[in-house]
Protein backbone atom coordinates (compact mmCIF):
# COMPACT_ATOMS: atom_id res chain seq x y z
CA UNK A 1 214.83 153.14 59.75
CA UNK A 2 211.45 154.17 61.15
CA UNK A 3 208.69 152.69 63.28
CA UNK A 4 204.98 153.42 63.52
CA UNK A 5 203.27 152.50 66.77
CA UNK A 6 199.77 151.24 66.01
CA UNK A 7 197.02 150.12 68.36
CA UNK A 8 198.38 146.58 68.78
CA UNK A 9 201.54 146.52 66.68
CA UNK A 10 204.77 148.39 66.14
CA UNK A 11 205.61 148.34 62.44
CA UNK A 12 209.18 148.94 61.33
CA UNK A 13 209.84 150.09 57.77
CA UNK A 14 212.53 151.39 55.43
CA UNK A 15 211.85 154.46 53.30
CA UNK A 16 213.57 156.40 50.54
CA UNK A 17 212.70 159.04 47.96
CA UNK A 18 209.83 161.43 47.38
CA UNK A 19 206.72 161.45 45.26
CA UNK A 20 203.81 159.04 45.08
CA UNK A 21 204.08 156.31 47.71
CA UNK A 22 205.09 152.84 46.48
CA UNK A 23 204.49 150.44 49.36
CA UNK A 24 206.31 147.08 49.15
CA UNK A 25 205.36 143.88 50.98
CA UNK A 26 207.90 141.08 51.43
CA UNK A 27 207.44 137.30 51.35
CA UNK A 28 207.49 134.45 53.87
CA UNK A 29 211.25 134.25 54.39
CA UNK A 30 212.15 137.90 53.94
CA UNK A 31 211.81 141.35 55.45
CA UNK A 32 212.24 144.96 54.34
CA UNK A 33 216.02 144.53 53.95
CA UNK A 34 215.50 142.36 50.87
CA UNK A 35 214.24 145.40 48.94
CA UNK A 36 217.44 147.44 49.13
CA UNK A 37 217.82 147.58 45.32
CA UNK A 38 214.26 148.84 44.96
CA UNK A 39 214.75 151.39 47.75
CA UNK A 40 217.90 152.70 46.08
CA UNK A 41 216.84 152.54 42.43
CA UNK A 42 213.18 153.62 42.55
CA UNK A 43 213.60 156.54 44.94
CA UNK A 44 214.12 158.99 42.06
CA UNK A 45 210.48 158.58 41.05
CA UNK A 46 208.66 157.36 44.16
CA UNK A 47 208.48 157.47 47.90
CA UNK A 48 209.42 153.82 48.40
CA UNK A 49 208.20 152.27 51.68
CA UNK A 50 209.12 148.68 52.51
CA UNK A 51 207.51 147.35 55.66
CA UNK A 52 208.32 144.50 58.02
CA UNK A 53 205.11 142.52 58.41
CA UNK A 54 203.96 141.69 61.95
CA UNK A 55 206.37 139.12 63.34
CA UNK A 56 209.17 140.07 60.93
CA UNK A 57 212.27 142.24 61.01
CA UNK A 58 211.95 145.12 63.42
CA UNK A 59 208.17 144.85 63.75
CA UNK A 60 206.50 143.45 66.85
CA UNK A 61 205.04 139.95 66.99
CA UNK A 62 201.27 139.62 66.81
CA UNK A 63 199.78 139.09 70.26
CA UNK A 64 198.15 135.95 68.89
CA UNK A 65 199.48 134.28 65.76
CA UNK A 66 197.50 135.26 62.67
CA UNK A 67 195.39 132.73 60.78
CA UNK A 68 194.36 134.71 57.71
CA UNK A 69 195.78 137.33 55.37
CA UNK A 70 192.84 139.62 56.18
CA UNK A 71 194.57 140.20 59.52
CA UNK A 72 197.75 141.34 57.77
CA UNK A 73 195.66 143.58 55.50
CA UNK A 74 194.00 145.19 58.52
CA UNK A 75 197.41 146.04 60.00
CA UNK A 76 198.57 147.37 56.63
CA UNK A 77 195.56 149.70 56.46
CA UNK A 78 196.27 151.02 59.94
CA UNK A 79 199.94 151.43 59.04
CA UNK A 80 199.18 153.42 55.88
CA UNK A 81 196.69 155.61 57.72
CA UNK A 82 199.31 156.30 60.40
CA UNK A 83 201.54 157.64 57.62
CA UNK A 84 198.73 159.84 56.34
CA UNK A 85 198.54 157.94 53.04
CA UNK A 86 195.11 157.94 51.42
CA UNK A 87 196.15 156.05 48.28
CA UNK A 88 199.32 154.25 47.19
CA UNK A 89 200.94 152.07 44.58
CA UNK A 90 201.10 148.60 46.17
CA UNK A 91 203.67 145.89 45.38
CA UNK A 92 203.59 142.47 47.02
CA UNK A 93 205.95 139.52 46.56
CA UNK A 94 204.90 135.91 47.17
CA UNK A 95 202.90 135.91 50.43
CA UNK A 96 203.09 139.70 50.21
CA UNK A 97 201.07 139.39 47.01
CA UNK A 98 198.31 137.67 49.00
CA UNK A 99 198.24 140.60 51.41
CA UNK A 100 198.26 143.07 48.52
CA UNK A 101 195.37 141.31 46.77
CA UNK A 102 193.36 141.11 49.99
CA UNK A 103 193.98 144.81 50.64
CA UNK A 104 193.14 145.85 47.05
CA UNK A 105 189.91 143.86 47.11
CA UNK A 106 188.71 145.33 50.40
CA UNK A 107 190.11 148.86 50.09
CA UNK A 108 190.29 149.60 46.33
CA UNK A 109 190.03 153.34 46.97
CA UNK A 110 193.45 153.19 48.65
CA UNK A 111 195.26 151.48 45.74
CA UNK A 112 195.95 153.34 42.49
CA UNK A 113 197.91 150.48 40.95
CA UNK A 114 198.76 146.94 42.08
CA UNK A 115 201.83 144.82 41.34
CA UNK A 116 202.01 141.19 42.44
CA UNK A 117 205.26 139.27 41.96
CA UNK A 118 205.66 135.48 42.13
CA UNK A 119 202.16 135.28 43.57
CA UNK A 120 200.84 132.28 45.46
CA UNK A 121 197.41 130.67 45.40
CA UNK A 122 198.07 129.01 48.74
CA UNK A 123 195.60 126.23 49.50
CA UNK A 124 193.69 126.93 46.28
CA UNK A 125 196.61 125.71 44.19
CA UNK A 126 197.07 122.27 45.79
CA UNK A 127 195.07 119.32 47.07
CA UNK A 128 193.89 119.24 50.67
CA UNK A 129 196.51 116.60 51.45
CA UNK A 130 199.32 118.62 49.88
CA UNK A 131 198.14 121.76 51.63
CA UNK A 132 198.29 120.05 55.02
CA UNK A 133 201.70 118.58 54.22
CA UNK A 134 203.07 122.01 53.32
CA UNK A 135 201.68 123.52 56.51
CA UNK A 136 203.17 120.81 58.71
CA UNK A 137 206.53 121.02 56.92
CA UNK A 138 206.68 124.78 57.48
CA UNK A 139 205.69 124.46 61.13
CA UNK A 140 208.18 121.64 61.69
CA UNK A 141 210.99 123.67 60.10
CA UNK A 142 210.42 126.82 62.14
CA UNK A 143 209.84 124.83 65.35
CA UNK A 144 212.90 122.57 65.07
CA UNK A 145 215.55 124.36 62.98
CA UNK A 146 217.68 127.32 63.91
CA UNK A 147 216.88 130.28 61.63
CA UNK A 148 220.31 129.94 59.97
CA UNK A 149 219.62 126.28 59.23
CA UNK A 150 216.18 127.08 57.84
CA UNK A 151 217.71 129.73 55.58
CA UNK A 152 220.33 127.38 54.16
CA UNK A 153 217.67 124.72 53.62
CA UNK A 154 215.25 127.02 51.80
CA UNK A 155 217.25 129.61 49.89
CA UNK A 156 218.52 127.32 47.13
CA UNK A 157 214.94 126.65 45.99
CA UNK A 158 214.17 130.38 46.02
CA UNK A 159 216.90 131.29 43.54
CA UNK A 160 217.77 130.24 40.01
CA UNK A 161 221.04 128.43 39.17
CA UNK A 162 222.19 131.78 37.75
CA UNK A 163 222.15 133.57 41.12
CA UNK A 164 225.48 135.06 42.13
CA UNK A 165 227.29 134.07 45.30
CA UNK A 166 226.54 137.50 46.75
CA UNK A 167 222.81 137.19 46.09
CA UNK A 168 222.74 133.73 47.69
CA UNK A 169 224.56 134.89 50.81
CA UNK A 170 222.39 137.98 51.16
CA UNK A 171 219.23 135.90 50.83
CA UNK A 172 220.52 133.52 53.52
CA UNK A 173 221.44 136.42 55.79
CA UNK A 174 217.98 137.95 55.56
CA UNK A 175 216.08 134.68 55.90
CA UNK A 176 218.13 133.78 58.98
CA UNK A 177 216.27 136.63 60.72
CA UNK A 178 212.87 134.89 60.57
CA UNK A 179 211.01 134.50 63.86
CA UNK A 180 208.50 131.82 64.85
CA UNK A 181 205.53 134.14 65.41
CA UNK A 182 205.76 135.67 61.95
CA UNK A 183 206.68 132.49 60.08
CA UNK A 184 203.92 130.47 61.74
CA UNK A 185 201.35 133.25 61.17
CA UNK A 186 202.09 133.26 57.45
CA UNK A 187 202.14 129.45 57.35
CA UNK A 188 198.63 129.30 58.80
CA UNK A 189 197.43 132.10 56.52
CA UNK A 190 198.80 130.31 53.43
CA UNK A 191 197.05 127.11 54.46
CA UNK A 192 193.76 129.04 54.66
CA UNK A 193 194.30 131.10 51.49
CA UNK A 194 191.80 130.93 48.65
CA UNK A 195 191.29 134.14 46.69
CA UNK A 196 190.19 132.55 43.42
CA UNK A 197 186.49 133.36 43.72
CA UNK A 198 186.91 137.12 43.82
CA UNK A 199 190.02 137.81 41.72
CA UNK A 200 187.77 138.76 38.80
CA UNK A 201 186.40 141.62 40.93
CA UNK A 202 189.81 143.31 41.33
CA UNK A 203 189.23 146.74 39.82
CA UNK A 204 192.63 148.43 40.14
CA UNK A 205 195.23 148.36 37.32
CA UNK A 206 197.37 145.27 37.96
CA UNK A 207 200.76 144.00 36.83
CA UNK A 208 201.55 140.31 37.41
CA UNK A 209 205.28 139.51 37.50
CA UNK A 210 207.22 136.27 37.87
CA UNK A 211 210.76 134.94 37.63
CA UNK A 212 211.10 132.75 34.54
CA UNK A 213 212.74 129.91 36.50
CA UNK A 214 210.65 130.21 39.68
CA UNK A 215 210.31 126.73 41.24
CA UNK A 216 208.16 127.84 44.18
CA UNK A 217 205.36 129.66 42.37
CA UNK A 218 206.03 128.93 38.69
CA UNK A 219 205.06 131.10 35.74
CA UNK A 220 202.01 128.86 35.29
CA UNK A 221 200.74 130.15 38.66
CA UNK A 222 201.19 133.78 37.65
CA UNK A 223 199.31 133.08 34.43
CA UNK A 224 196.32 131.99 36.53
CA UNK A 225 196.30 135.39 38.25
CA UNK A 226 196.80 137.17 34.93
CA UNK A 227 193.85 135.35 33.36
CA UNK A 228 191.51 135.97 36.31
CA UNK A 229 192.33 139.63 37.11
CA UNK A 230 190.59 141.86 34.54
CA UNK A 231 192.85 143.85 32.20
CA UNK A 232 195.99 142.78 34.07
CA UNK A 233 199.41 142.69 32.43
CA UNK A 234 202.00 139.91 32.67
CA UNK A 235 205.78 140.40 32.83
CA UNK A 236 208.37 137.61 33.08
CA UNK A 237 211.85 138.30 34.49
CA UNK A 238 214.23 136.16 32.39
CA UNK A 239 216.64 133.68 33.98
CA UNK A 240 215.54 134.36 37.59
CA UNK A 241 213.90 132.33 40.32
CA UNK A 242 211.35 133.12 43.03
CA UNK A 243 213.42 136.02 44.37
CA UNK A 244 213.54 137.65 40.94
CA UNK A 245 213.63 141.17 42.40
CA UNK A 246 216.89 140.32 44.17
CA UNK A 247 218.48 138.39 41.31
CA UNK A 248 217.81 140.97 38.59
CA UNK A 249 216.66 144.20 40.21
CA UNK A 250 217.34 146.28 37.09
CA UNK A 251 214.89 144.33 34.93
CA UNK A 252 212.38 144.00 37.76
CA UNK A 253 212.51 147.71 38.55
CA UNK A 254 212.25 148.57 34.88
CA UNK A 255 208.97 146.71 34.57
CA UNK A 256 207.68 148.39 37.75
CA UNK A 257 208.60 151.89 36.58
CA UNK A 258 207.24 151.40 33.07
CA UNK A 259 203.91 150.07 34.36
CA UNK A 260 203.43 152.77 37.00
CA UNK A 261 204.37 155.62 34.67
CA UNK A 262 201.93 154.40 32.04
CA UNK A 263 199.16 154.07 34.61
CA UNK A 264 199.92 157.52 35.96
CA UNK A 265 199.73 158.97 32.47
CA UNK A 266 196.41 157.22 31.82
CA UNK A 267 195.09 158.41 35.17
CA UNK A 268 195.95 162.04 34.52
């Protein structure tokens, strides 16, 4: 476990391995602990760095709750610079994909390859009424439920019916660590999210991944990203839900490794 002290935030992260940095960004109900199978399995080829976003895990809360993913991307840039990283492979899951896309659009020189998994369109994917309903539901849940209750309520929808008991319990354990400042910041950012207009300008090599049985951001959503991001590739993780990287880490990691090694070969 390590921490970088930035100008306004302390960012906690987990790290393993050597080589080119692969930086991993978690989703709304997770933190760096959810990436343990990536940290253990990908360390032979990469320096794997999984952060806790502001308001999550061991990282400090934002001084004022965020409203937009550009704010998360700004912290990510400062975090990477504090590590002395000039360019990285970037992997984002769910809301982490929104941060990764924002970062890649604004700082393409710092991203050699991009992977987005179970990506979300946020407000762009629903009506204004549905967007407001989702925001209020998220705020109500984090404001009224204990974190353990929120985890039990949400985790079932995040996993496929095939998920093992151990995967379910681990997902509940990690989600029970959510804190209001982080959860509300992401909730607001999701309600303000619309990246559709500039996805076609993404210039870095991109892999779009999704769990075949994802109920939260279905394969149809990932296909939108795949169609809009130039020269992107699409990979579906069979028989898994939204947390596909936890349900079937071997297949997920295999797609990641294959994509990055091919891009590295093309680059050199």
